[in-house]
Amino acid sequence: MDQCPAGALEIVGHRYGLDELVAALLRDRTFYRNSGGGVTLSGGEATLYGDYAGALAQQLQEAGTHVLLETCGHFEWERFAAQLLPHLDAVYWDLKLADPQDHERWCGRDNRLIIENLDRLIDQSNEQLEVLVRIPLVPNLTCTRDNLEALAEHLRARGAERVALLPYNPMWLPKALALGRSAPEQPDDRWLEPDELALAQAAFKDFTIL
């Protein structure tokens, strides 16, 4: 149906052909240039649409626009390396849980492919490709001493020097309920406490924290 009588559901978005989207994005290129910004491919998961996203990134980069990808990292490396990687200036990589079983329980897949892909990407990062690992801090789930220290140990061993710590925001729950979805099982659903943020910062004390 086109409309929801209760107003809880609405269609958001517009289908763009590649050339149409490139033209729309490049209308703001003066702003990108003056602000130091660019275009972010986010989602959802942009790597699911590698052909389209890669062609888009290529045209934007050729036009002098900075292109950043936000990803969960669960993709086939060979396709990513061929379709998207050559046309990216930066990658923001969300890393949640160190333990594969915990990751499968809470995210639906284990993290082996994600970790493998991240390691390969870090090995290929250079002055032309910025890689930033972002860690969402969910109370009593990702924001635990054991998980944070395990993630820090792995990233340290790979030579990563910067991380972004993202305090949990529970304001998504009313939106999920408005869509008719039940509240998911999770250990806690609240704002992060100051001592929990301090715990996370201590685990990454030898990193630059953004």
C-alpha atoms as a PDB file:
ATOM      1  CA  MET A   1       0.000   0.000   0.000  1.00  0.00           C
ATOM      2  CA  ASP A   2       1.176   3.535  -0.721  1.00  0.00           C
ATOM      3  CA  GLN A   3       0.112   5.004   2.603  1.00  0.00           C
ATOM      4  CA  CYS A   4      -0.286   3.743   6.168  1.00  0.00           C
ATOM      5  CA  PRO A   5      -3.521   5.041   7.769  1.00  0.00           C
ATOM      6  CA  ALA A   6      -1.817   5.229  11.157  1.00  0.00           C
ATOM      7  CA  GLY A   7       1.152   7.121   9.771  1.00  0.00           C
ATOM      8  CA  ALA A   8       3.587   4.602  11.225  1.00  0.00           C
ATOM      9  CA  LEU A   9       4.912   3.502   7.842  1.00  0.00           C
ATOM     10  CA  GLU A  10       6.076   5.720   5.034  1.00  0.00           C
ATOM     11  CA  ILE A  11       8.114   5.244   1.883  1.00  0.00           C
ATOM     12  CA  VAL A  12      11.420   7.077   2.168  1.00  0.00           C
ATOM     13  CA  GLY A  13      13.848   7.396  -0.688  1.00  0.00           C
ATOM     14  CA  HIS A  14      14.000   7.668  -4.446  1.00  0.00           C
ATOM     15  CA  ARG A  15      15.367   5.355  -7.138  1.00  0.00           C
ATOM     16  CA  TYR A  16      18.195   6.996  -9.065  1.00  0.00           C
ATOM     17  CA  GLY A  17      19.866   5.916 -12.248  1.00  0.00           C
ATOM     18  CA  LEU A  18      23.636   6.166 -12.005  1.00  0.00           C
ATOM     19  CA  ASP A  19      24.051   9.273 -14.157  1.00  0.00           C
ATOM     20  CA  GLU A  20      21.128  10.976 -12.421  1.00  0.00           C
ATOM     21  CA  LEU A  21      22.604  10.351  -8.988  1.00  0.00           C
ATOM     22  CA  VAL A  22      26.094  11.474  -9.985  1.00  0.00           C
ATOM     23  CA  ALA A  23      24.673  14.720 -11.350  1.00  0.00           C
ATOM     24  CA  ALA A  24      22.672  15.313  -8.173  1.00  0.00           C
ATOM     25  CA  LEU A  25      25.665  14.705  -5.925  1.00  0.00           C
ATOM     26  CA  LEU A  26      28.056  16.828  -7.957  1.00  0.00           C
ATOM     27  CA  ARG A  27      25.778  19.827  -7.622  1.00  0.00           C
ATOM     28  CA  ASP A  28      27.319  20.164  -4.159  1.00  0.00           C
ATOM     29  CA  ARG A  29      30.951  19.742  -5.203  1.00  0.00           C
ATOM     30  CA  THR A  30      31.764  23.371  -4.299  1.00  0.00           C
ATOM     31  CA  PHE A  31      30.559  22.649  -0.777  1.00  0.00           C
ATOM     32  CA  TYR A  32      32.632  19.442  -0.616  1.00  0.00           C
ATOM     33  CA  ARG A  33      35.715  21.318  -1.765  1.00  0.00           C
ATOM     34  CA  ASN A  34      35.290  24.216   0.673  1.00  0.00           C
ATOM     35  CA  SER A  35      34.385  22.031   3.654  1.00  0.00           C
ATOM     36  CA  GLY A  36      36.869  19.227   3.042  1.00  0.00           C
ATOM     37  CA  GLY A  37      33.981  16.783   2.840  1.00  0.00           C
ATOM     38  CA  GLY A  38      32.593  14.513   0.179  1.00  0.00           C
ATOM     39  CA  VAL A  39      30.120  11.693  -0.386  1.00  0.00           C
ATOM     40  CA  THR A  40      29.536   8.823   2.037  1.00  0.00           C
ATOM     41  CA  LEU A  41      28.241   5.445   0.842  1.00  0.00           C
ATOM     42  CA  SER A  42      26.330   4.081   3.778  1.00  0.00           C
ATOM     43  CA  GLY A  43      23.230   2.042   4.296  1.00  0.00           C
ATOM     44  CA  GLY A  44      22.123  -0.529   4.841  1.00  0.00           C
ATOM     45  CA  GLU A  45      25.245  -2.077   3.375  1.00  0.00           C
ATOM     46  CA  ALA A  46      26.590  -0.477   0.201  1.00  0.00           C
ATOM     47  CA  THR A  47      28.826  -3.452  -0.626  1.00  0.00           C
ATOM     48  CA  LEU A  48      25.683  -5.485  -1.400  1.00  0.00           C
ATOM     49  CA  TYR A  49      25.399  -3.330  -4.510  1.00  0.00           C
ATOM     50  CA  GLY A  50      29.039  -3.456  -5.530  1.00  0.00           C
ATOM     51  CA  ASP A  51      28.596  -2.835  -9.252  1.00  0.00           C
ATOM     52  CA  TYR A  52      26.427   0.243  -8.750  1.00  0.00           C
ATOM     53  CA  ALA A  53      28.322   1.584  -5.739  1.00  0.00           C
ATOM     54  CA  GLY A  54      31.663   1.039  -7.442  1.00  0.00           C
ATOM     55  CA  ALA A  55      30.594   2.827 -10.628  1.00  0.00           C
ATOM     56  CA  LEU A  56      29.216   5.677  -8.536  1.00  0.00           C
ATOM     57  CA  ALA A  57      32.406   5.948  -6.489  1.00  0.00           C
ATOM     58  CA  GLN A  58      34.545   5.890  -9.618  1.00  0.00           C
ATOM     59  CA  GLN A  59      32.667   8.751 -11.267  1.00  0.00           C
ATOM     60  CA  LEU A  60      32.689  10.827  -8.085  1.00  0.00           C
ATOM     61  CA  GLN A  61      36.394  10.277  -7.532  1.00  0.00           C
ATOM     62  CA  GLU A  62      37.188  11.139 -11.147  1.00  0.00           C
ATOM     63  CA  ALA A  63      35.278  14.390 -10.594  1.00  0.00           C
ATOM     64  CA  GLY A  64      37.531  15.199  -7.648  1.00  0.00           C
ATOM     65  CA  THR A  65      35.074  14.276  -4.894  1.00  0.00           C
ATOM     66  CA  HIS A  66      36.209  12.443  -1.758  1.00  0.00           C
ATOM     67  CA  VAL A  67      34.401   9.101  -1.344  1.00  0.00           C
ATOM     68  CA  LEU A  68      33.975   7.327   2.001  1.00  0.00           C
ATOM     69  CA  LEU A  69      32.432   3.894   2.589  1.00  0.00           C
ATOM     70  CA  GLU A  70      30.776   2.871   5.847  1.00  0.00           C
ATOM     71  CA  THR A  71      30.594  -0.924   6.145  1.00  0.00           C
ATOM     72  CA  CYS A  72      30.063  -3.837   8.501  1.00  0.00           C
ATOM     73  CA  GLY A  73      32.800  -5.680   6.587  1.00  0.00           C
ATOM     74  CA  HIS A  74      30.835  -8.810   5.705  1.00  0.00           C
ATOM     75  CA  PHE A  75      31.486  -9.179   1.977  1.00  0.00           C
ATOM     76  CA  GLU A  76      33.427 -11.208  -0.568  1.00  0.00           C
ATOM     77  CA  TRP A  77      36.887  -9.648  -0.696  1.00  0.00           C
ATOM     78  CA  GLU A  78      37.613 -10.301  -4.360  1.00  0.00           C
ATOM     79  CA  ARG A  79      34.452  -8.522  -5.513  1.00  0.00           C
ATOM     80  CA  PHE A  80      35.043  -5.634  -3.125  1.00  0.00           C
ATOM     81  CA  ALA A  81      38.656  -5.267  -4.258  1.00  0.00           C
ATOM     82  CA  ALA A  82      37.609  -5.195  -7.897  1.00  0.00           C
ATOM     83  CA  GLN A  83      34.447  -3.095  -7.695  1.00  0.00           C
ATOM     84  CA  LEU A  84      34.819  -0.605  -4.855  1.00  0.00           C
ATOM     85  CA  LEU A  85      38.235  -0.470  -3.231  1.00  0.00           C
ATOM     86  CA  PRO A  86      40.099   1.276  -6.094  1.00  0.00           C
ATOM     87  CA  HIS A  87      37.609   4.166  -5.971  1.00  0.00           C
ATOM     88  CA  LEU A  88      37.557   4.866  -2.225  1.00  0.00           C
ATOM     89  CA  ASP A  89      39.409   7.524  -0.265  1.00  0.00           C
ATOM     90  CA  ALA A  90      38.326   6.284   3.173  1.00  0.00           C
ATOM     91  CA  VAL A  91      36.608   3.327   4.850  1.00  0.00           C
ATOM     92  CA  TYR A  92      34.825   3.452   8.202  1.00  0.00           C
ATOM     93  CA  TRP A  93      34.596  -0.106   9.519  1.00  0.00           C
ATOM     94  CA  ASP A  94      32.157  -1.042  12.273  1.00  0.00           C
ATOM     95  CA  LEU A  95      33.622  -3.693  14.580  1.00  0.00           C
ATOM     96  CA  LYS A  96      31.340  -4.983  17.299  1.00  0.00           C
ATOM     97  CA  LEU A  97      32.303  -8.227  19.001  1.00  0.00           C
ATOM     98  CA  ALA A  98      35.545 -10.174  19.240  1.00  0.00           C
ATOM     99  CA  ASP A  99      34.075 -13.590  20.026  1.00  0.00           C
ATOM    100  CA  PRO A 100      32.705 -15.402  16.918  1.00  0.00           C
ATOM    101  CA  GLN A 101      29.890 -17.111  18.829  1.00  0.00           C
ATOM    102  CA  ASP A 102      28.755 -13.889  20.472  1.00  0.00           C
ATOM    103  CA  HIS A 103      28.861 -12.197  17.092  1.00  0.00           C
ATOM    104  CA  GLU A 104      26.706 -14.896  15.522  1.00  0.00           C
ATOM    105  CA  ARG A 105      24.206 -14.725  18.369  1.00  0.00           C
ATOM    106  CA  TRP A 106      23.721 -10.970  18.225  1.00  0.00           C
ATOM    107  CA  CYS A 107      24.462 -10.178  14.574  1.00  0.00           C
ATOM    108  CA  GLY A 108      23.272 -13.303  12.791  1.00  0.00           C
ATOM    109  CA  ARG A 109      26.710 -14.268  11.410  1.00  0.00           C
ATOM    110  CA  ASP A 110      30.038 -15.035  13.017  1.00  0.00           C
ATOM    111  CA  ASN A 111      32.807 -12.482  12.555  1.00  0.00           C
ATOM    112  CA  ARG A 112      35.479 -14.566  10.836  1.00  0.00           C
ATOM    113  CA  LEU A 113      34.970 -13.032   7.397  1.00  0.00           C
ATOM    114  CA  ILE A 114      34.714  -9.548   8.887  1.00  0.00           C
ATOM    115  CA  ILE A 115      37.998  -9.900  10.767  1.00  0.00           C
ATOM    116  CA  GLU A 116      39.739 -11.437   7.759  1.00  0.00           C
ATOM    117  CA  ASN A 117      38.587  -8.623   5.487  1.00  0.00           C
ATOM    118  CA  LEU A 118      39.556  -5.961   8.005  1.00  0.00           C
ATOM    119  CA  ASP A 119      43.048  -7.386   8.350  1.00  0.00           C
ATOM    120  CA  ARG A 120      43.502  -7.325   4.589  1.00  0.00           C
ATOM    121  CA  LEU A 121      42.229  -3.764   4.368  1.00  0.00           C
ATOM    122  CA  ILE A 122      44.487  -2.502   7.160  1.00  0.00           C
ATOM    123  CA  ASP A 123      47.435  -4.115   5.402  1.00  0.00           C
ATOM    124  CA  GLN A 124      46.541  -2.142   2.261  1.00  0.00           C
ATOM    125  CA  SER A 125      45.831   1.212   3.945  1.00  0.00           C
ATOM    126  CA  ASN A 126      48.177   4.046   3.039  1.00  0.00           C
ATOM    127  CA  GLU A 127      48.231   7.798   2.619  1.00  0.00           C
ATOM    128  CA  GLN A 128      45.646   7.490  -0.159  1.00  0.00           C
ATOM    129  CA  LEU A 129      43.271   5.244   1.795  1.00  0.00           C
ATOM    130  CA  GLU A 130      42.152   6.092   5.320  1.00  0.00           C
ATOM    131  CA  VAL A 131      40.830   3.178   7.395  1.00  0.00           C
ATOM    132  CA  LEU A 132      39.045   3.933  10.654  1.00  0.00           C
ATOM    133  CA  VAL A 133      37.618   1.210  12.894  1.00  0.00           C
ATOM    134  CA  ARG A 134      34.480   2.273  14.746  1.00  0.00           C
ATOM    135  CA  ILE A 135      33.285   0.384  17.818  1.00  0.00           C
ATOM    136  CA  PRO A 136      29.665   0.785  18.958  1.00  0.00           C
ATOM    137  CA  LEU A 137      29.509   0.758  22.750  1.00  0.00           C
ATOM    138  CA  VAL A 138      26.351  -1.149  23.712  1.00  0.00           C
ATOM    139  CA  PRO A 139      25.984  -1.529  27.506  1.00  0.00           C
ATOM    140  CA  ASN A 140      26.770  -5.049  28.741  1.00  0.00           C
ATOM    141  CA  LEU A 141      27.104  -6.312  25.179  1.00  0.00           C
ATOM    142  CA  THR A 142      29.975  -4.740  23.251  1.00  0.00           C
ATOM    143  CA  CYS A 143      30.988  -2.449  26.095  1.00  0.00           C
ATOM    144  CA  THR A 144      32.543  -5.039  28.366  1.00  0.00           C
ATOM    145  CA  ARG A 145      36.131  -5.232  29.533  1.00  0.00           C
ATOM    146  CA  ASP A 146      36.758  -8.631  27.926  1.00  0.00           C
ATOM    147  CA  ASN A 147      35.333  -7.651  24.539  1.00  0.00           C
ATOM    148  CA  LEU A 148      37.003  -4.248  24.355  1.00  0.00           C
ATOM    149  CA  GLU A 149      40.396  -5.546  25.412  1.00  0.00           C
ATOM    150  CA  ALA A 150      40.171  -8.394  22.875  1.00  0.00           C
ATOM    151  CA  LEU A 151      39.324  -5.946  20.082  1.00  0.00           C
ATOM    152  CA  ALA A 152      42.112  -3.608  21.143  1.00  0.00           C
ATOM    153  CA  GLU A 153      44.634  -6.441  21.250  1.00  0.00           C
ATOM    154  CA  HIS A 154      43.733  -7.553  17.745  1.00  0.00           C
ATOM    155  CA  LEU A 155      43.836  -4.055  16.264  1.00  0.00           C
ATOM    156  CA  ARG A 156      47.102  -3.310  18.020  1.00  0.00           C
ATOM    157  CA  ALA A 157      48.658  -6.437  16.540  1.00  0.00           C
ATOM    158  CA  ARG A 158      47.565  -5.301  13.054  1.00  0.00           C
ATOM    159  CA  GLY A 159      49.196  -1.906  13.547  1.00  0.00           C
ATOM    160  CA  ALA A 160      45.997   0.133  13.800  1.00  0.00           C
ATOM    161  CA  GLU A 161      46.508   3.360  15.709  1.00  0.00           C
ATOM    162  CA  ARG A 162      43.103   5.062  15.665  1.00  0.00           C
ATOM    163  CA  VAL A 163      39.574   4.052  16.658  1.00  0.00           C
ATOM    164  CA  ALA A 164      36.243   5.780  17.002  1.00  0.00           C
ATOM    165  CA  LEU A 165      34.165   4.861  20.045  1.00  0.00           C
ATOM    166  CA  LEU A 166      30.420   5.253  19.448  1.00  0.00           C
ATOM    167  CA  PRO A 167      28.258   5.410  22.614  1.00  0.00           C
ATOM    168  CA  TYR A 168      24.995   3.518  22.262  1.00  0.00           C
ATOM    169  CA  ASN A 169      21.836   5.467  21.452  1.00  0.00           C
ATOM    170  CA  PRO A 170      18.585   3.639  22.411  1.00  0.00           C
ATOM    171  CA  MET A 171      16.291   6.082  20.595  1.00  0.00           C
ATOM    172  CA  TRP A 172      15.806   3.603  17.722  1.00  0.00           C
ATOM    173  CA  LEU A 173      13.459   1.385  19.770  1.00  0.00           C
ATOM    174  CA  PRO A 174      10.251   3.473  19.433  1.00  0.00           C
ATOM    175  CA  LYS A 175      10.785   3.522  15.664  1.00  0.00           C
ATOM    176  CA  ALA A 176      11.063  -0.265  15.585  1.00  0.00           C
ATOM    177  CA  LEU A 177       7.871  -0.644  17.604  1.00  0.00           C
ATOM    178  CA  ALA A 178       6.076   1.804  15.279  1.00  0.00           C
ATOM    179  CA  LEU A 179       7.017  -0.501  12.410  1.00  0.00           C
ATOM    180  CA  GLY A 180       5.356  -3.405  14.165  1.00  0.00           C
ATOM    181  CA  ARG A 181       8.605  -5.052  15.190  1.00  0.00           C
ATOM    182  CA  SER A 182       9.005  -6.534  18.650  1.00  0.00           C
ATOM    183  CA  ALA A 183      11.784  -5.337  20.897  1.00  0.00           C
ATOM    184  CA  PRO A 184      14.804  -7.598  20.337  1.00  0.00           C
ATOM    185  CA  GLU A 185      16.413  -9.572  23.092  1.00  0.00           C
ATOM    186  CA  GLN A 186      19.440  -7.733  24.431  1.00  0.00           C
ATOM    187  CA  PRO A 187      21.181  -7.451  27.799  1.00  0.00           C
ATOM    188  CA  ASP A 188      20.468  -3.760  28.302  1.00  0.00           C
ATOM    189  CA  ASP A 189      18.725  -0.946  26.501  1.00  0.00           C
ATOM    190  CA  ARG A 190      19.824   2.369  27.945  1.00  0.00           C
ATOM    191  CA  TRP A 191      22.235   5.219  27.476  1.00  0.00           C
ATOM    192  CA  LEU A 192      25.887   4.530  28.211  1.00  0.00           C
ATOM    193  CA  GLU A 193      27.055   5.539  31.690  1.00  0.00           C
ATOM    194  CA  PRO A 194      30.179   7.724  32.122  1.00  0.00           C
ATOM    195  CA  ASP A 195      32.078   4.916  33.854  1.00  0.00           C
ATOM    196  CA  GLU A 196      31.354   2.595  30.911  1.00  0.00           C
ATOM    197  CA  LEU A 197      32.721   5.141  28.464  1.00  0.00           C
ATOM    198  CA  ALA A 198      35.795   5.473  30.683  1.00  0.00           C
ATOM    199  CA  LEU A 199      36.205   1.673  30.559  1.00  0.00           C
ATOM    200  CA  ALA A 200      36.206   1.770  26.775  1.00  0.00           C
ATOM    201  CA  GLN A 201      38.667   4.642  26.654  1.00  0.00           C
ATOM    202  CA  ALA A 202      41.001   2.794  29.020  1.00  0.00           C
ATOM    203  CA  ALA A 203      40.974  -0.307  26.786  1.00  0.00           C
ATOM    204  CA  PHE A 204      42.173   1.865  23.871  1.00  0.00           C
ATOM    205  CA  LYS A 205      44.431   4.158  25.863  1.00  0.00           C
ATOM    206  CA  ASP A 206      47.346   3.706  23.470  1.00  0.00           C
ATOM    207  CA  PHE A 207      45.172   4.531  20.418  1.00  0.00           C
ATOM    208  CA  THR A 208      44.080   7.885  19.113  1.00  0.00           C
ATOM    209  CA  ILE A 209      40.387   7.927  20.044  1.00  0.00           C
ATOM    210  CA  LEU A 210      38.009   9.886  17.838  1.00  0.00           C
END
